[in-house]
Protein backbone atom coordinates (compact mmCIF):
# COMPACT_ATOMS: atom_id res chain seq x y z
CA UNK A 1 5.63 -47.07 -19.36
CA UNK A 2 3.83 -49.92 -16.82
CA UNK A 3 2.24 -49.15 -13.65
CA UNK A 4 4.69 -50.39 -10.72
CA UNK A 5 2.08 -52.24 -8.09
CA UNK A 6 2.47 -54.20 -5.08
CA UNK A 7 0.32 -57.17 -5.07
CA UNK A 8 -0.33 -59.57 -1.86
CA UNK A 9 -2.00 -62.86 -3.11
CA UNK A 10 -3.74 -64.89 -0.87
CA UNK A 11 -4.09 -68.50 -2.88
CA UNK A 12 -3.24 -72.49 -2.66
CA UNK A 13 -2.73 -72.46 -6.40
CA UNK A 14 0.52 -71.24 -7.69
CA UNK A 15 -0.70 -71.69 -11.18
CA UNK A 16 -3.30 -69.50 -10.47
CA UNK A 17 -1.35 -66.99 -8.91
CA UNK A 18 1.01 -66.93 -11.65
CA UNK A 19 -2.23 -66.57 -13.96
CA UNK A 20 -3.66 -63.58 -12.60
CA UNK A 21 0.26 -61.95 -12.66
CA UNK A 22 -0.01 -62.23 -15.96
CA UNK A 23 -3.53 -60.10 -16.22
CA UNK A 24 -1.66 -57.43 -14.22
CA UNK A 25 0.58 -57.79 -16.81
CA UNK A 26 -1.44 -57.79 -19.66
CA UNK A 27 -3.29 -54.62 -17.86
CA UNK A 28 -0.17 -52.33 -17.92
CA UNK A 29 0.82 -53.37 -14.60
CA UNK A 30 4.53 -54.16 -13.01
CA UNK A 31 3.70 -56.50 -10.36
CA UNK A 32 5.51 -57.38 -7.06
CA UNK A 33 3.22 -59.96 -5.54
CA UNK A 34 3.52 -62.12 -2.93
CA UNK A 35 1.88 -65.33 -2.36
CA UNK A 36 0.39 -66.89 0.99
CA UNK A 37 -1.90 -69.32 1.73
CA UNK A 38 -2.67 -69.78 5.74
CA UNK A 39 -2.95 -67.06 8.14
CA UNK A 40 0.49 -67.01 9.54
CA UNK A 41 1.74 -66.26 6.44
CA UNK A 42 -0.26 -63.40 5.51
CA UNK A 43 0.13 -61.82 9.10
CA UNK A 44 3.64 -61.87 8.20
CA UNK A 45 3.15 -60.39 4.62
CA UNK A 46 0.92 -58.06 6.01
CA UNK A 47 3.57 -56.95 8.77
CA UNK A 48 5.39 -56.45 5.35
CA UNK A 49 3.41 -53.48 3.89
CA UNK A 50 1.99 -51.51 2.07
CA UNK A 51 0.37 -53.78 -0.83
CA UNK A 52 -1.75 -51.79 -3.01
CA UNK A 53 -3.61 -54.32 -3.78
CA UNK A 54 -5.02 -57.68 -2.03
CA UNK A 55 -6.32 -60.49 -3.77
CA UNK A 56 -7.80 -63.59 -2.17
CA UNK A 57 -9.10 -67.29 -3.16
CA UNK A 58 -13.15 -67.74 -2.14
CA UNK A 59 -11.67 -71.17 -0.69
CA UNK A 60 -8.62 -72.95 0.20
CA UNK A 61 -8.04 -76.22 2.72
CA UNK A 62 -6.43 -74.10 5.27
CA UNK A 63 -7.98 -70.76 4.90
CA UNK A 64 -10.36 -68.89 3.47
CA UNK A 65 -11.42 -65.45 2.07
CA UNK A 66 -13.72 -64.65 4.89
CA UNK A 67 -10.38 -65.48 7.32
CA UNK A 68 -8.43 -63.48 5.05
CA UNK A 69 -10.31 -60.60 5.12
CA UNK A 70 -10.67 -60.52 8.88
CA UNK A 71 -6.92 -60.25 9.01
CA UNK A 72 -7.16 -57.64 6.33
CA UNK A 73 -9.17 -55.54 8.20
CA UNK A 74 -7.16 -55.80 11.42
CA UNK A 75 -4.10 -54.93 10.46
CA UNK A 76 -5.65 -51.27 9.19
CA UNK A 77 -4.92 -51.21 5.64
CA UNK A 78 -6.83 -48.93 3.40
CA UNK A 79 -6.34 -51.09 -0.05
CA UNK A 80 -8.60 -52.77 -2.05
CA UNK A 81 -9.48 -56.49 -1.25
CA UNK A 82 -10.82 -58.38 -4.06
CA UNK A 83 -12.27 -61.80 -3.81
CA UNK A 84 -11.02 -64.02 -6.58
CA UNK A 85 -13.38 -67.57 -7.04
CA UNK A 86 -13.77 -70.62 -9.34
CA UNK A 87 -17.49 -70.33 -8.26
CA UNK A 88 -18.90 -67.78 -5.66
CA UNK A 89 -22.72 -68.10 -4.90
CA UNK A 90 -24.21 -64.31 -5.38
CA UNK A 91 -25.36 -64.71 -1.96
CA UNK A 92 -21.83 -65.44 -0.23
CA UNK A 93 -20.45 -62.75 -2.46
CA UNK A 94 -22.96 -59.97 -1.18
CA UNK A 95 -21.93 -60.89 2.45
CA UNK A 96 -18.32 -60.58 1.84
CA UNK A 97 -18.36 -56.91 0.38
CA UNK A 98 -21.18 -56.24 3.22
CA UNK A 99 -17.98 -57.47 5.37
CA UNK A 100 -15.66 -55.03 3.67
CA UNK A 101 -14.65 -56.71 0.14
CA UNK A 102 -14.63 -54.29 -2.85
CA UNK A 103 -15.09 -56.78 -5.27
CA UNK A 104 -15.16 -60.04 -7.08
CA UNK A 105 -13.88 -61.51 -9.86
CA UNK A 106 -14.62 -65.32 -11.30
CA UNK A 107 -11.50 -67.32 -12.25
CA UNK A 108 -12.75 -68.57 -15.41
CA UNK A 109 -13.82 -65.04 -17.02
CA UNK A 110 -11.35 -62.05 -15.68
CA UNK A 111 -11.96 -59.47 -18.45
CA UNK A 112 -13.26 -57.84 -15.61
CA UNK A 113 -10.19 -57.57 -13.52
CA UNK A 114 -8.32 -54.89 -14.72
CA UNK A 115 -11.38 -52.06 -14.92
CA UNK A 116 -11.83 -53.43 -11.43
CA UNK A 117 -8.67 -52.98 -10.33
CA UNK A 118 -8.16 -49.39 -11.72
CA UNK A 119 -11.36 -47.99 -10.10
CA UNK A 120 -10.62 -49.55 -7.11
CA UNK A 121 -6.82 -48.43 -6.51
CA UNK A 122 -8.69 -44.72 -7.51
CA UNK A 123 -11.53 -44.85 -5.17
CA UNK A 124 -8.64 -46.10 -2.46
CA UNK A 125 -6.01 -43.20 -3.15
CA UNK A 126 -9.50 -40.53 -3.04
CA UNK A 127 -9.90 -42.17 0.65
CA UNK A 128 -6.69 -42.10 1.76
CA UNK A 129 -6.36 -38.17 0.48
CA UNK A 130 -9.65 -37.49 1.70
CA UNK A 131 -8.07 -39.07 5.46
CA UNK A 132 -5.31 -37.06 4.73
CA UNK A 133 -7.61 -33.70 4.17
CA UNK A 134 -9.12 -35.01 7.61
CA UNK A 135 -6.48 -35.83 9.59
CA UNK A 136 -5.03 -31.83 8.22
CA UNK A 137 -8.25 -30.19 9.09
CA UNK A 138 -7.83 -31.92 12.79
CA UNK A 139 -4.06 -30.65 12.95
CA UNK A 140 -5.22 -27.40 11.91
CA UNK A 141 -8.34 -27.24 14.62
CA UNK A 142 -6.00 -28.49 16.88
CA UNK A 143 -3.42 -25.70 16.27
CA UNK A 144 -6.13 -22.78 16.08
CA UNK A 145 -7.76 -24.08 18.96
CA UNK A 146 -4.39 -24.08 21.01
CA UNK A 147 -3.64 -20.50 19.63
CA UNK A 148 -7.27 -19.69 20.88
CA UNK A 149 -6.74 -20.80 24.33
CA UNK A 150 -3.32 -19.50 24.67
CA UNK A 151 -3.06 -16.56 22.46
CA UNK A 152 -2.73 -13.59 25.24
CA UNK A 153 -4.37 -11.41 22.77
CA UNK A 154 -7.96 -10.94 23.10
CA UNK A 155 -10.43 -13.35 20.41
CA UNK A 156 -14.03 -13.37 20.10
CA UNK A 157 -16.54 -14.16 17.63
CA UNK A 158 -19.65 -11.43 17.91
CA UNK A 159 -22.99 -11.44 16.16
CA UNK A 160 -24.22 -7.79 14.81
CA UNK A 161 -25.56 -7.09 17.94
CA UNK A 162 -22.06 -7.71 19.68
CA UNK A 163 -23.51 -10.51 21.46
CA UNK A 164 -20.21 -12.96 22.49
CA UNK A 165 -20.84 -16.45 20.42
CA UNK A 166 -17.25 -17.47 21.87
CA UNK A 167 -14.28 -16.10 23.29
CA UNK A 168 -10.92 -17.02 24.58
CA UNK A 169 -9.37 -16.95 28.07
CA UNK A 170 -7.60 -13.33 27.42
CA UNK A 171 -10.82 -11.99 26.54
CA UNK A 172 -12.82 -13.52 29.36
CA UNK A 173 -10.23 -12.24 31.38
CA UNK A 174 -9.69 -8.28 30.04
CA UNK A 175 -13.09 -7.94 30.78
CA UNK A 176 -13.30 -9.13 34.34
CA UNK A 177 -15.13 -12.90 34.05
CA UNK A 178 -13.37 -15.45 35.37
CA UNK A 179 -15.01 -17.71 32.55
CA UNK A 180 -15.46 -17.96 29.15
CA UNK A 181 -18.77 -19.34 30.28
CA UNK A 182 -19.52 -16.09 32.37
CA UNK A 183 -19.04 -13.82 29.24
CA UNK A 184 -21.09 -15.96 26.38
CA UNK A 185 -24.63 -14.11 25.03
CA UNK A 186 -23.57 -11.03 26.74
CA UNK A 187 -23.28 -8.27 24.70
CA UNK A 188 -20.40 -5.35 24.56
CA UNK A 189 -23.05 -2.86 25.86
CA UNK A 190 -23.33 -5.23 29.65
CA UNK A 191 -19.47 -5.45 29.88
CA UNK A 192 -17.68 -2.31 28.43
CA UNK A 193 -18.66 1.62 28.43
CA UNK A 194 -21.72 3.25 26.92
CA UNK A 195 -19.54 4.97 24.29
CA UNK A 196 -16.88 2.21 24.05
CA UNK A 197 -19.74 -0.64 23.30
CA UNK A 198 -21.38 2.20 21.08
CA UNK A 199 -18.07 2.20 18.59
CA UNK A 200 -17.44 -1.18 18.62
CA UNK A 201 -20.61 -1.66 17.52
CA UNK A 202 -20.33 0.20 15.17
CA UNK A 203 -17.68 -0.81 13.73
CA UNK A 204 -19.38 -4.74 13.33
CA UNK A 205 -21.91 -3.41 11.31
CA UNK A 206 -20.08 -1.45 8.94
CA UNK A 207 -17.24 -4.61 8.83
CA UNK A 208 -20.99 -6.50 8.10
CA UNK A 209 -22.23 -4.05 6.00
CA UNK A 210 -19.42 -3.35 3.47
CA UNK A 211 -17.89 -6.93 4.15
CA UNK A 212 -14.14 -5.21 4.69
CA UNK A 213 -12.05 -5.53 7.74
CA UNK A 214 -12.03 -3.07 9.74
CA UNK A 215 -9.26 -2.03 11.91
CA UNK A 216 -9.14 1.08 14.58
CA UNK A 217 -7.51 1.81 17.84
CA UNK A 218 -9.38 2.64 21.54
CA UNK A 219 -8.72 3.31 24.64
CA UNK A 220 -10.45 1.52 27.66
CA UNK A 221 -9.85 2.28 31.69
CA UNK A 222 -6.43 3.89 30.60
CA UNK A 223 -5.75 0.37 28.25
CA UNK A 224 -5.20 1.34 24.53
CA UNK A 225 -5.95 -1.99 22.12
CA UNK A 226 -5.55 -2.12 18.48
CA UNK A 227 -8.55 -3.74 16.75
CA UNK A 228 -9.35 -5.97 13.76
CA UNK A 229 -12.99 -6.92 13.51
CA UNK A 230 -13.57 -9.42 10.37
CA UNK A 231 -16.18 -9.87 8.77
CA UNK A 232 -17.46 -13.89 8.41
CA UNK A 233 -19.82 -16.29 7.19
CA UNK A 234 -20.57 -19.24 9.35
CA UNK A 235 -23.37 -22.07 8.41
CA UNK A 236 -25.88 -21.93 10.83
CA UNK A 237 -24.82 -18.91 12.44
CA UNK A 238 -25.52 -16.19 9.85
CA UNK A 239 -23.23 -12.96 9.74
CA UNK A 240 -20.80 -12.49 12.26
CA UNK A 241 -17.67 -11.23 13.43
CA UNK A 242 -14.29 -12.11 14.20
CA UNK A 243 -12.93 -9.70 16.82
CA UNK A 244 -9.56 -9.57 17.50
CA UNK A 245 -7.91 -7.10 19.90
CA UNK A 246 -4.42 -6.25 21.15
CA UNK A 247 -3.09 -4.42 24.12
CA UNK A 248 -0.99 -1.66 23.16
CA UNK A 249 -0.87 0.26 26.07
CA UNK A 250 3.25 -0.36 26.15
CA UNK A 251 3.79 0.37 22.95
CA UNK A 252 1.56 3.82 22.64
CA UNK A 253 3.60 4.70 26.15
CA UNK A 254 7.13 4.29 24.10
CA UNK A 255 5.40 5.71 20.90
CA UNK A 256 4.04 8.78 22.57
CA UNK A 257 8.28 9.07 24.35
CA UNK A 258 9.56 8.72 20.54
CA UNK A 259 7.39 11.81 19.56
CA UNK A 260 8.07 14.05 22.18
CA UNK A 261 11.46 13.23 21.67
CA UNK A 262 11.33 14.44 18.21
CA UNK A 263 9.29 17.59 18.92
CA UNK A 264 12.03 18.44 21.97
CA UNK A 265 14.40 17.79 18.62
CA UNK A 266 12.63 19.71 16.81
CA UNK A 267 11.78 23.20 18.80
CA UNK A 268 15.64 22.83 19.67
CA UNK A 269 17.02 23.49 16.24
CA UNK A 270 13.88 25.90 15.92
CA UNK A 271 14.98 28.17 18.91
CA UNK A 272 18.55 27.78 17.15
CA UNK A 273 17.25 29.47 14.25
CA UNK A 274 15.86 32.09 16.11
CA UNK A 275 19.28 32.60 17.70
CA UNK A 276 20.30 33.41 13.84
CA UNK A 277 17.35 36.10 13.05
CA UNK A 278 16.18 37.58 15.41
CA UNK A 279 13.49 39.07 13.08
CA UNK A 280 12.05 35.95 12.40
CA UNK A 281 12.44 35.00 16.45
CA UNK A 282 9.35 32.56 16.59
CA UNK A 283 7.96 32.35 13.23
CA UNK A 284 8.41 28.70 12.79
CA UNK A 285 6.53 27.83 16.33
CA UNK A 286 3.92 30.31 15.81
CA UNK A 287 3.36 28.60 12.22
CA UNK A 288 3.58 25.33 13.64
CA UNK A 289 0.84 25.97 16.40
CA UNK A 290 -1.47 27.69 13.36
CA UNK A 291 -0.85 24.72 11.59
CA UNK A 292 -1.71 22.28 14.28
CA UNK A 293 -5.00 24.25 14.94
CA UNK A 294 -5.95 24.44 11.17
CA UNK A 295 -4.98 20.49 10.99
CA UNK A 296 -7.28 20.24 14.05
CA UNK A 297 -10.32 21.83 12.70
CA UNK A 298 -10.00 19.58 9.66
CA UNK A 299 -10.38 16.54 11.77
CA UNK A 300 -6.56 15.39 10.97
CA UNK A 301 -5.71 12.12 13.58
CA UNK A 302 -3.31 12.83 15.77
CA UNK A 303 -0.18 11.15 14.28
CA UNK A 304 -0.89 13.67 11.30
CA UNK A 305 -1.36 16.53 13.52
CA UNK A 306 2.15 15.68 14.73
CA UNK A 307 3.88 15.59 11.65
CA UNK A 308 2.64 19.05 10.76
CA UNK A 309 3.83 20.57 14.12
CA UNK A 310 7.28 19.12 13.27
CA UNK A 311 6.73 20.17 9.57
CA UNK A 312 5.88 23.71 10.57
CA UNK A 313 8.82 23.93 13.42
CA UNK A 314 11.23 22.89 10.54
CA UNK A 315 9.85 24.16 7.56
CA UNK A 316 12.36 26.93 7.15
CA UNK A 317 15.68 24.89 8.01
CA UNK A 318 17.15 25.96 5.46
CA UNK A 319 17.65 29.47 6.18
CA UNK A 320 20.57 27.87 8.22
CA UNK A 321 23.21 27.81 5.26
CA UNK A 322 21.76 31.54 4.08
CA UNK A 323 24.15 34.32 4.90
CA UNK A 324 22.77 36.52 8.58
CA UNK A 325 23.47 39.70 6.34
CA UNK A 326 20.64 38.83 4.17
CA UNK A 327 18.60 37.37 6.44
CA UNK A 328 18.84 41.16 8.47
CA UNK A 329 19.56 43.14 5.75
CA UNK A 330 17.45 46.03 6.56
CA UNK A 331 15.16 47.45 3.51
CA UNK A 332 14.75 45.72 -0.31
CA UNK A 333 16.70 43.17 -1.12
CA UNK A 334 18.62 42.67 -4.57
CA UNK A 335 17.66 39.95 -6.90
CA UNK A 336 20.22 38.01 -6.63
CA UNK A 337 19.70 38.20 -2.46
CA UNK A 338 15.61 37.08 -3.58
CA UNK A 339 16.91 33.86 -5.35
CA UNK A 340 19.21 33.20 -2.70
CA UNK A 341 16.72 33.48 0.18
CA UNK A 342 14.45 31.44 -1.99
CA UNK A 343 16.65 28.33 -2.07
CA UNK A 344 16.06 27.70 1.13
CA UNK A 345 13.25 25.67 0.80
CA UNK A 346 15.49 23.37 -1.68
CA UNK A 347 18.39 23.96 0.90
CA UNK A 348 16.46 22.85 3.89
CA UNK A 349 14.92 19.53 1.69
CA UNK A 350 18.48 18.38 1.72
CA UNK A 351 18.76 19.09 5.21
CA UNK A 352 16.03 17.03 5.72
CA UNK A 353 14.92 14.18 3.31
CA UNK A 354 17.43 11.51 4.87
CA UNK A 355 16.11 11.73 8.59
CA UNK A 356 14.38 8.65 8.96
CA UNK A 357 10.93 10.73 10.70
CA UNK A 358 7.66 8.93 9.93
CA UNK A 359 6.45 11.83 8.55
CA UNK A 360 6.52 13.94 5.21
CA UNK A 361 9.08 16.97 6.76
CA UNK A 362 11.97 17.12 3.87
CA UNK A 363 8.50 17.76 1.43
CA UNK A 364 6.86 20.27 3.49
CA UNK A 365 10.51 22.22 4.14
CA UNK A 366 10.70 21.78 0.22
CA UNK A 367 7.12 23.26 -1.02
CA UNK A 368 5.73 25.38 1.91
CA UNK A 369 6.12 27.96 -1.00
CA UNK A 370 4.11 26.02 -4.02
CA UNK A 371 1.11 27.68 -4.58
CA UNK A 372 -2.28 25.98 -6.07
CA UNK A 373 -1.96 27.71 -9.65
CA UNK A 374 1.48 26.78 -9.52
CA UNK A 375 3.08 30.31 -9.43
CA UNK A 376 5.24 28.96 -6.23
CA UNK A 377 8.66 27.71 -5.99
CA UNK A 378 11.12 26.49 -6.16
CA UNK A 379 8.86 23.38 -8.82
CA UNK A 380 6.21 25.28 -9.45
CA UNK A 381 3.86 22.25 -8.44
CA UNK A 382 -0.11 22.77 -8.57
CA UNK A 383 -3.36 21.05 -7.97
CA UNK A 384 -3.81 17.41 -6.05
CA UNK A 385 0.60 17.41 -6.66
CA UNK A 386 0.69 19.63 -3.46
CA UNK A 387 -0.04 17.21 -0.16
CA UNK A 388 -2.91 18.23 2.12
CA UNK A 389 0.22 19.18 4.83
CA UNK A 390 1.95 21.68 2.81
CA UNK A 391 -0.99 23.45 1.33
CA UNK A 392 -1.72 24.11 5.17
CA UNK A 393 1.75 25.15 5.85
CA UNK A 394 1.60 27.68 2.46
CA UNK A 395 -1.08 29.17 4.08
CA UNK A 396 -0.30 29.36 7.61
CA UNK A 397 3.36 30.73 6.76
CA UNK A 398 1.93 33.64 4.51
CA UNK A 399 -0.51 34.46 7.36
CA UNK A 400 1.84 34.88 10.27
CA UNK A 401 4.73 36.18 8.09
CA UNK A 402 2.53 38.93 6.60
CA UNK A 403 1.55 39.60 10.05
CA UNK A 404 4.93 39.66 11.33
CA UNK A 405 7.58 42.72 11.32
CA UNK A 406 10.67 41.60 8.97
CA UNK A 407 13.87 43.92 8.28
CA UNK A 408 13.20 44.28 4.48
CA UNK A 409 9.29 45.78 5.00
CA UNK A 410 6.83 46.22 8.27
CA UNK A 411 4.43 43.93 9.48
CA UNK A 412 1.41 43.84 7.17
CA UNK A 413 -1.79 45.66 8.34
CA UNK A 414 -5.04 43.29 9.44
CA UNK A 415 -7.00 44.42 6.55
CA UNK A 416 -3.71 43.89 3.94
CA UNK A 417 -3.67 40.30 5.59
CA UNK A 418 -7.50 39.52 4.88
CA UNK A 419 -7.21 41.03 1.60
CA UNK A 420 -4.16 38.33 0.61
CA UNK A 421 -5.87 35.75 1.82
CA UNK A 422 -9.60 36.19 0.60
CA UNK A 423 -8.32 37.25 -3.25
CA UNK A 424 -5.98 34.09 -2.99
CA UNK A 425 -8.71 31.89 -1.93
CA UNK A 426 -9.15 28.86 -4.40
CA UNK A 427 -6.46 30.70 -6.73
CA UNK A 428 -3.36 30.41 -4.84
CA UNK A 429 -4.79 29.32 -1.52
CA UNK A 430 -7.07 25.59 -0.80
CA UNK A 431 -9.78 27.55 -0.01
CA UNK A 432 -10.86 25.22 2.98
CA UNK A 433 -7.33 26.14 4.55
CA UNK A 434 -8.22 29.84 3.90
CA UNK A 435 -11.63 29.61 5.63
CA UNK A 436 -10.17 27.89 8.67
CA UNK A 437 -7.95 30.70 9.23
CA UNK A 438 -10.15 33.61 8.85
CA UNK A 439 -12.42 32.10 11.17
CA UNK A 440 -9.67 31.97 13.59
CA UNK A 441 -9.07 35.74 12.54
CA UNK A 442 -12.36 36.76 12.96
CA UNK A 443 -12.92 34.93 16.90
CA UNK A 444 -9.31 35.90 17.80
CA UNK A 445 -7.64 32.62 17.90
CA UNK A 446 -5.13 33.91 15.59
CA UNK A 447 -4.35 37.57 16.70
CA UNK A 448 -2.91 40.29 14.15
CA UNK A 449 -1.70 42.86 15.96
């Protein structure tokens, strides 16, 4: 299929122009052209553009190639400008090409015409694409500059030692500087408390050494920040880290209020359960406290500790649907009664499974009677199938329940509790959790009467 081509021909001879068009057709081009032979006509034609290519005769009675070239350049076109001449000296051709012409062809020998056109059209497209890329880059840089300068987030680029290379106004303002220039070349250690600076420099080095983005939260002077440290390499600057920090103090306050509401609700439910089963009153709260203390010793973060505490408060919520006659029955339970009592874990799961809580509370209620060796209920899960929270609650529930009186049995002695935990350590119960609870029993932090 012929390639469409819009051609402007600066030529005083119509025959020569038609000869050129026929040559283009033989070369596979479907040509739309206009012929002009004066500066005025060329100016009008250029204003009608765009033109894919411009051909100009070297010498005409009322015009010249050099004059045509000047008009072409003033029009700002990025199309090939080719000289067509019956006789042009080498020196004149070189001067015209220095002035901006792309090539020249002798009228009596048009064999070079098509290869020149293909090359110049290809080069012109490369130039245009390069220019478009530069324009896109400039637009992108301008957008980034505006974002960088006006963003409420604090943004900076720092080196391995925490020295500021660039920063936005929000960063400077957050650190007490009136201008970015005052901040540049200072380090974290010079603008914030030692402990905060130490942590941030550790995160910088970790990001660079691991080549991975580091995300963390910290607190500074009563304000909370969500931080993102991105390792980047910039030619001429070596290894640097892009620091983006967002003030999340108000979000934190809202989250704390929401968490407090969750806890208040869970404690209310726990008290309601205690009113139905006075023999186990306080069991859920004691399990919750013991689980939270255990998780804290395992260095779980505050969010997981909160989830663990709420899970402890609600782990026996399924007992709400168990008849009080069974919960409060003195003496031994029948097998049927035991099976009904054991169903409380699945009943608790059914109650909690559709609650939109940010922790796996339903899973804790369902599986807190599972054991590492698969001997527990209701699903016989084992090992890594049990979440850490479930493993913690499982041991805390056993330790607290054994040390408390039940209507069907008296409270177990301290030695019996120790024997159960030590005997099941690493078999039924998580070894690390058992060791922590044994330490708390030994220290008196967890008391067995």
